Amino acid sequence: MKARQLVLSLLIIFSGNSPAFAKSIKIAFWNVENLFDLKNDPNTNDDEFALGGRKNVTENIYNLKLENLTEIINKMNPDVLGLCEIENRFVLEELNQAVKRDYSIIHYDSPDKRGIDVALLYDSKLLEITESKVLTVLLPTKIPTRDILYVKAKFSKIELNLFVNHWPSKYGGAEKSIPLRAAAAKTLRKKVNSILSKNPKAEIIIMGDLNDEPIDPSITIHLGASMQKTKMVNHESILWNVMQPWHRNPEGSTYKYDGIDMVYDHLIVSEGLIDNIGLKLVPNSVGVFSGKKYRQHGGKYDGYPFRFWAGSRVLGGYSDHMPIYLKIESE
């Protein structure tokens, strides 16, 4: 009996020092629409979300925002969650305390003038992080923008490369801003090329709000991602954009503008995730989180994601973007 207890004790001790075994994990991404704290940071343009600011934010409004985000995150229940439009580490910790999972946080402050960053939440019992850093995006306008977060991890002892993105928006004009997203794409492509040059079968997942559609040059040309898997397999592109089923799909768009159903939020994978060696994309696991209560109904904004803010007015929804997700598994 004592020998059995000793073995059980050792198993508990050693299992606490390494990620738990799981055959598959769910990876999600969400632009959570301006998750700011209530303090005015003198170094960023966050004044409108601070107490006493233009939006008249109160503690109750802030708590409602956290509560609504928590509802969707708990329903999705991802093992890994990329986020964008979060202000700082503080709001990430607040969100992490509110959700049912106990995530670890990877976050770096970006030079973005509004002070919004990208981040990664992950279950440290399932994923082992071996490296994390930011890729600085240098725009031709010289205006600071969001970094790209790079995380190297191990799932089931197999290396996995993750990128979390939030590329420059079309604010100021879609045509005029094309070079900005091209710069972000080229920055990401350089790192992807570096990884693939060392291991052509490397497992890579790119997630993020790219502020462009899957058919736009920033994604197809500068990043080298196609919606057609065969193009990657035939080496006509280096990556596969798995969001094709939702492109211009009113039932599953991630974003809507001028009544047009769009995919601005992307999940893009490398060939290493479809070669049935190591880690692989689970068939039919890619999705857009949705549901009747998470979209608006009737009128001009029918079918739009049920957002939290409409200018300075609180709609009390969730975000102007829908979350996206996929699953990977080990062989």
Protein backbone atom coordinates (compact mmCIF):
# COMPACT_ATOMS: atom_id res chain seq x y z
CA MET A 1 0.00 0.00 0.00
CA LYS A 2 2.80 2.42 0.93
CA ALA A 3 4.60 1.64 -2.34
CA ARG A 4 1.42 2.41 -4.29
CA GLN A 5 0.96 5.71 -2.44
CA LEU A 6 4.58 6.63 -3.21
CA VAL A 7 4.06 5.98 -6.93
CA LEU A 8 0.88 8.08 -6.95
CA SER A 9 2.65 10.91 -5.13
CA LEU A 10 5.51 10.89 -7.64
CA LEU A 11 3.06 10.94 -10.55
CA ILE A 12 1.34 13.99 -9.09
CA ILE A 13 4.64 15.77 -8.49
CA PHE A 14 6.04 15.15 -11.96
CA SER A 15 2.77 15.88 -13.75
CA GLY A 16 2.84 19.33 -12.18
CA ASN A 17 6.18 20.10 -13.81
CA SER A 18 5.19 19.47 -17.43
CA PRO A 19 2.17 20.10 -19.67
CA ALA A 20 -0.66 17.62 -19.30
CA PHE A 21 -1.37 15.21 -22.13
CA ALA A 22 -4.17 16.11 -24.51
CA LYS A 23 -4.63 14.80 -28.02
CA SER A 24 -6.12 18.03 -29.36
CA ILE A 25 -6.35 21.70 -28.44
CA LYS A 26 -8.66 24.49 -29.51
CA ILE A 27 -7.02 27.71 -30.68
CA ALA A 28 -9.13 30.86 -31.05
CA PHE A 29 -8.70 34.51 -31.95
CA TRP A 30 -10.88 37.53 -31.17
CA ASN A 31 -10.77 41.26 -31.71
CA VAL A 32 -12.56 42.28 -28.52
CA GLU A 33 -13.30 45.89 -29.58
CA ASN A 34 -11.53 48.40 -27.39
CA LEU A 35 -10.96 46.76 -24.03
CA PHE A 36 -9.55 49.74 -22.13
CA ASP A 37 -9.16 50.34 -18.43
CA LEU A 38 -10.60 53.42 -16.74
CA LYS A 39 -7.33 55.27 -16.23
CA ASN A 40 -6.01 57.98 -18.51
CA ASP A 41 -2.55 57.01 -19.73
CA PRO A 42 -0.68 60.25 -20.54
CA ASN A 43 1.46 58.39 -23.11
CA THR A 44 -1.41 57.16 -25.31
CA ASN A 45 -4.61 58.46 -26.91
CA ASP A 46 -6.93 56.57 -24.58
CA ASP A 47 -8.68 59.60 -23.11
CA GLU A 48 -12.15 58.79 -24.47
CA PHE A 49 -12.29 55.49 -22.55
CA ALA A 50 -11.06 56.95 -19.25
CA LEU A 51 -13.33 58.10 -16.45
CA GLY A 52 -14.55 61.58 -17.38
CA GLY A 53 -13.73 61.02 -21.05
CA ARG A 54 -15.86 61.62 -24.15
CA LYS A 55 -17.60 58.24 -23.96
CA ASN A 56 -18.69 58.82 -20.35
CA VAL A 57 -17.43 55.40 -19.35
CA THR A 58 -18.33 54.33 -15.82
CA GLU A 59 -17.21 51.42 -13.70
CA ASN A 60 -20.53 49.71 -14.45
CA ILE A 61 -19.95 50.04 -18.20
CA TYR A 62 -16.42 48.66 -17.85
CA ASN A 63 -17.70 45.72 -15.80
CA LEU A 64 -20.45 45.03 -18.37
CA LYS A 65 -17.82 44.93 -21.11
CA LEU A 66 -15.78 42.39 -19.14
CA GLU A 67 -18.89 40.36 -18.34
CA ASN A 68 -19.94 40.16 -21.99
CA LEU A 69 -16.48 39.17 -23.21
CA THR A 70 -16.34 36.54 -20.47
CA GLU A 71 -19.63 35.03 -21.64
CA ILE A 72 -18.31 34.29 -25.12
CA ILE A 73 -14.86 33.15 -24.00
CA ASN A 74 -16.43 30.70 -21.55
CA LYS A 75 -18.73 29.37 -24.27
CA MET A 76 -15.87 28.93 -26.73
CA ASN A 77 -13.62 27.51 -24.01
CA PRO A 78 -10.39 27.73 -26.03
CA ASP A 79 -7.10 26.28 -24.81
CA VAL A 80 -5.23 29.09 -26.57
CA LEU A 81 -6.72 32.52 -27.28
CA GLY A 82 -5.19 35.31 -29.32
CA LEU A 83 -6.60 38.77 -28.62
CA CYS A 84 -6.37 42.23 -30.09
CA GLU A 85 -7.65 45.69 -29.15
CA ILE A 86 -6.65 45.26 -25.52
CA GLU A 87 -5.01 48.21 -23.79
CA ASN A 88 -2.59 46.63 -21.35
CA ARG A 89 -1.66 43.82 -19.00
CA PHE A 90 -4.11 45.08 -16.37
CA VAL A 91 -7.22 44.48 -18.51
CA LEU A 92 -5.88 41.06 -19.50
CA GLU A 93 -5.52 40.11 -15.85
CA GLU A 94 -9.03 41.42 -15.13
CA LEU A 95 -10.41 39.35 -18.00
CA ASN A 96 -8.44 36.31 -16.89
CA GLN A 97 -9.89 36.57 -13.39
CA ALA A 98 -13.41 36.73 -14.82
CA VAL A 99 -13.27 33.71 -17.14
CA LYS A 100 -13.58 30.15 -15.85
CA ARG A 101 -10.22 29.00 -17.21
CA ASP A 102 -6.96 29.99 -15.53
CA TYR A 103 -4.85 31.18 -18.45
CA SER A 104 -1.26 32.29 -18.55
CA ILE A 105 -0.67 35.60 -20.34
CA ILE A 106 1.84 36.68 -22.97
CA HIS A 107 1.73 40.41 -23.61
CA TYR A 108 4.06 43.22 -24.65
CA ASP A 109 3.20 46.92 -24.77
CA SER A 110 3.17 48.11 -28.38
CA PRO A 111 4.06 51.59 -29.70
CA ASP A 112 0.55 52.07 -31.11
CA LYS A 113 -0.62 55.63 -30.46
CA ARG A 114 -4.00 54.50 -29.12
CA GLY A 115 -2.23 52.10 -26.81
CA ILE A 116 -3.91 48.95 -28.12
CA ASP A 117 -1.95 45.71 -28.18
CA VAL A 118 -2.17 42.04 -29.10
CA ALA A 119 -1.80 39.22 -26.59
CA LEU A 120 -2.01 35.48 -26.13
CA LEU A 121 -3.79 33.61 -23.35
CA TYR A 122 -2.95 29.93 -23.03
CA ASP A 123 -3.44 26.94 -20.75
CA SER A 124 0.02 26.22 -19.38
CA LYS A 125 -1.08 22.69 -18.51
CA LEU A 126 -1.35 21.97 -22.23
CA LEU A 127 1.15 24.26 -23.91
CA GLU A 128 4.81 24.77 -23.06
CA ILE A 129 6.21 28.15 -24.16
CA THR A 130 9.84 28.13 -25.28
CA GLU A 131 10.08 31.64 -26.75
CA SER A 132 8.04 34.80 -27.19
CA LYS A 133 8.90 38.14 -28.73
CA VAL A 134 7.46 40.93 -30.84
CA LEU A 135 8.08 41.67 -34.50
CA THR A 136 8.17 45.43 -34.97
CA VAL A 137 6.26 46.67 -38.02
CA LEU A 138 7.88 49.72 -39.61
CA LEU A 139 5.35 51.63 -41.70
CA PRO A 140 6.27 53.87 -44.66
CA THR A 141 4.46 56.70 -42.86
CA LYS A 142 6.79 56.26 -39.84
CA ILE A 143 3.69 56.21 -37.61
CA PRO A 144 4.02 53.59 -34.83
CA THR A 145 1.65 50.64 -35.08
CA ARG A 146 0.87 47.36 -33.33
CA ASP A 147 3.62 44.78 -33.07
CA ILE A 148 3.14 41.21 -34.27
CA LEU A 149 3.40 38.74 -31.38
CA TYR A 150 5.46 35.62 -32.08
CA VAL A 151 5.24 32.66 -29.72
CA LYS A 152 7.16 29.41 -30.07
CA ALA A 153 5.55 26.63 -28.07
CA LYS A 154 5.39 22.88 -27.70
CA PHE A 155 2.21 20.85 -27.78
CA SER A 156 2.63 17.11 -27.18
CA LYS A 157 6.39 17.82 -27.30
CA ILE A 158 6.08 19.03 -30.90
CA GLU A 159 7.08 22.58 -31.83
CA LEU A 160 4.29 24.98 -32.78
CA ASN A 161 4.81 28.52 -34.08
CA LEU A 162 2.05 31.04 -33.34
CA PHE A 163 1.63 34.60 -34.59
CA VAL A 164 -0.95 37.10 -33.28
CA ASN A 165 -1.66 40.07 -35.55
CA HIS A 166 -3.60 43.30 -35.74
CA TRP A 167 -2.63 45.01 -38.98
CA PRO A 168 -3.21 48.73 -39.70
CA SER A 169 -6.80 49.69 -40.43
CA LYS A 170 -8.28 51.44 -43.45
CA TYR A 171 -8.78 54.62 -41.44
CA GLY A 172 -7.97 57.55 -43.71
CA GLY A 173 -8.86 55.63 -46.87
CA ALA A 174 -8.71 52.03 -48.07
CA GLU A 175 -6.48 52.80 -51.07
CA LYS A 176 -4.17 55.10 -49.15
CA SER A 177 -3.63 52.53 -46.40
CA ILE A 178 -2.72 49.58 -48.67
CA PRO A 179 1.06 50.09 -48.17
CA LEU A 180 0.57 49.93 -44.39
CA ARG A 181 -0.89 46.43 -44.43
CA ALA A 182 1.66 45.41 -47.04
CA ALA A 183 4.39 46.43 -44.59
CA ALA A 184 2.84 44.30 -41.85
CA ALA A 185 2.49 41.35 -44.24
CA LYS A 186 6.12 41.62 -45.35
CA THR A 187 7.29 41.75 -41.73
CA LEU A 188 5.37 38.57 -40.96
CA ARG A 189 6.45 36.87 -44.20
CA LYS A 190 10.13 37.46 -43.37
CA LYS A 191 9.78 35.58 -40.08
CA VAL A 192 7.72 32.80 -41.66
CA ASN A 193 10.34 32.38 -44.40
CA SER A 194 13.04 32.15 -41.73
CA ILE A 195 11.18 29.37 -39.93
CA LEU A 196 10.42 27.43 -43.12
CA SER A 197 14.00 27.74 -44.37
CA LYS A 198 15.12 25.78 -41.32
CA ASN A 199 12.20 23.36 -41.39
CA PRO A 200 9.96 23.29 -44.50
CA LYS A 201 7.42 21.21 -42.56
CA ALA A 202 7.26 23.54 -39.55
CA GLU A 203 3.85 23.81 -37.89
CA ILE A 204 2.73 27.46 -38.12
CA ILE A 205 -0.58 29.13 -37.22
CA ILE A 206 -1.15 32.79 -38.04
CA MET A 207 -4.16 34.45 -36.42
CA GLY A 208 -5.40 37.98 -36.35
CA ASP A 209 -7.48 40.90 -37.55
CA LEU A 210 -5.62 41.73 -40.76
CA ASN A 211 -8.05 44.50 -41.81
CA ASP A 212 -8.06 42.95 -45.28
CA GLU A 213 -9.98 40.13 -46.92
CA PRO A 214 -8.51 36.78 -47.98
CA ILE A 215 -8.35 37.92 -51.63
CA ASP A 216 -6.44 41.14 -50.95
CA PRO A 217 -2.79 41.49 -52.09
CA SER A 218 -1.45 41.98 -48.56
CA ILE A 219 -2.50 38.40 -47.82
CA THR A 220 -2.25 36.63 -51.18
CA ILE A 221 0.92 38.27 -52.50
CA HIS A 222 2.92 39.80 -49.65
CA LEU A 223 2.15 37.10 -47.08
CA GLY A 224 1.74 34.30 -49.62
CA ALA A 225 -1.49 32.78 -48.27
CA SER A 226 -4.14 31.29 -50.53
CA MET A 227 -7.67 30.11 -49.74
CA GLN A 228 -6.99 27.10 -51.96
CA LYS A 229 -5.17 24.34 -50.11
CA THR A 230 -3.96 22.85 -53.39
CA LYS A 231 -1.96 25.99 -54.14
CA MET A 232 0.05 25.48 -50.96
CA VAL A 233 0.47 21.77 -51.65
CA ASN A 234 1.69 22.61 -55.19
CA HIS A 235 3.98 25.32 -53.76
CA GLU A 236 2.18 28.14 -55.57
CA SER A 237 1.71 29.71 -52.14
CA ILE A 238 3.46 29.04 -48.85
CA LEU A 239 0.39 29.18 -46.59
CA TRP A 240 -3.26 28.17 -46.57
CA ASN A 241 -5.95 30.61 -45.42
CA VAL A 242 -8.58 28.30 -43.95
CA MET A 243 -11.31 30.98 -43.84
CA GLN A 244 -12.55 30.35 -47.40
CA PRO A 245 -15.99 28.96 -46.37
CA TRP A 246 -16.83 32.26 -44.64
CA HIS A 247 -15.62 34.64 -47.34
CA ARG A 248 -18.64 36.79 -48.27
CA ASN A 249 -20.84 34.36 -46.36
CA PRO A 250 -23.77 36.07 -44.58
CA GLU A 251 -24.03 33.12 -42.22
CA GLY A 252 -20.47 33.34 -40.99
CA SER A 253 -18.78 36.65 -41.72
CA THR A 254 -16.43 37.85 -39.00
CA TYR A 255 -17.00 41.53 -39.77
CA LYS A 256 -19.49 43.62 -41.70
CA TYR A 257 -19.08 47.04 -43.31
CA ASP A 258 -21.46 48.94 -45.60
CA GLY A 259 -23.68 45.88 -45.56
CA ILE A 260 -20.94 43.64 -46.99
CA ASP A 261 -20.12 40.38 -45.22
CA MET A 262 -16.37 40.18 -44.78
CA VAL A 263 -13.62 38.05 -43.32
CA TYR A 264 -11.16 40.43 -41.67
CA ASP A 265 -10.21 37.90 -39.01
CA HIS A 266 -8.00 35.12 -40.27
CA LEU A 267 -6.59 31.72 -39.41
CA ILE A 268 -3.73 30.76 -41.71
CA VAL A 269 -1.68 27.57 -41.50
CA SER A 270 1.46 26.07 -42.98
CA GLU A 271 1.84 22.80 -44.87
CA GLY A 272 3.22 21.20 -41.71
CA LEU A 273 -0.32 21.12 -40.31
CA ILE A 274 -1.78 19.09 -43.17
CA ASP A 275 1.00 16.55 -43.82
CA ASN A 276 -0.23 14.08 -41.15
CA ILE A 277 3.13 14.20 -39.39
CA GLY A 278 3.48 15.65 -35.89
CA LEU A 279 0.63 18.12 -35.42
CA LYS A 280 -2.28 18.41 -37.82
CA LEU A 281 -5.34 20.55 -38.38
CA VAL A 282 -8.42 18.65 -37.25
CA PRO A 283 -10.77 18.23 -40.25
CA ASN A 284 -13.89 20.43 -40.14
CA SER A 285 -12.71 22.13 -36.94
CA VAL A 286 -12.42 25.67 -38.32
CA GLY A 287 -15.30 27.91 -37.35
CA VAL A 288 -16.72 31.34 -36.66
CA PHE A 289 -18.33 31.57 -33.24
CA SER A 290 -21.84 32.86 -33.70
CA GLY A 291 -25.40 32.65 -32.49
CA LYS A 292 -28.56 34.69 -32.77
CA LYS A 293 -27.89 36.79 -29.67
CA TYR A 294 -24.41 37.71 -30.85
CA ARG A 295 -25.56 39.50 -34.01
CA GLN A 296 -27.89 42.44 -34.60
CA HIS A 297 -31.31 41.86 -36.17
CA GLY A 298 -33.41 44.08 -38.39
CA GLY A 299 -32.79 47.50 -39.83
CA LYS A 300 -29.63 48.89 -41.37
CA TYR A 301 -27.29 46.73 -39.31
CA ASP A 302 -29.02 43.39 -39.72
CA GLY A 303 -26.50 40.57 -39.44
CA TYR A 304 -23.73 42.73 -38.04
CA PRO A 305 -21.84 41.46 -35.00
CA PHE A 306 -23.59 42.82 -31.89
CA ARG A 307 -21.00 45.36 -30.85
CA PHE A 308 -20.49 46.99 -27.49
CA TRP A 309 -19.99 50.58 -28.64
CA ALA A 310 -21.72 52.60 -31.36
CA GLY A 311 -19.70 55.79 -31.33
CA SER A 312 -20.13 57.12 -27.80
CA ARG A 313 -23.33 55.16 -27.22
CA VAL A 314 -23.31 51.85 -25.35
CA LEU A 315 -25.18 49.16 -27.27
CA GLY A 316 -24.20 46.64 -24.63
CA GLY A 317 -23.20 43.86 -27.00
CA TYR A 318 -19.90 42.08 -27.33
CA SER A 319 -17.64 43.22 -30.17
CA ASP A 320 -17.77 44.43 -33.76
CA HIS A 321 -15.86 41.27 -34.74
CA MET A 322 -16.81 37.62 -34.31
CA PRO A 323 -14.32 35.18 -32.76
CA ILE A 324 -12.78 32.44 -34.90
CA TYR A 325 -11.27 29.09 -33.96
CA LEU A 326 -9.73 25.82 -35.08
CA LYS A 327 -8.42 22.63 -33.50
CA ILE A 328 -5.11 20.86 -33.94
CA GLU A 329 -4.18 17.39 -32.78
CA SER A 330 -1.07 15.30 -32.36
CA GLU A 331 -0.59 12.13 -34.35
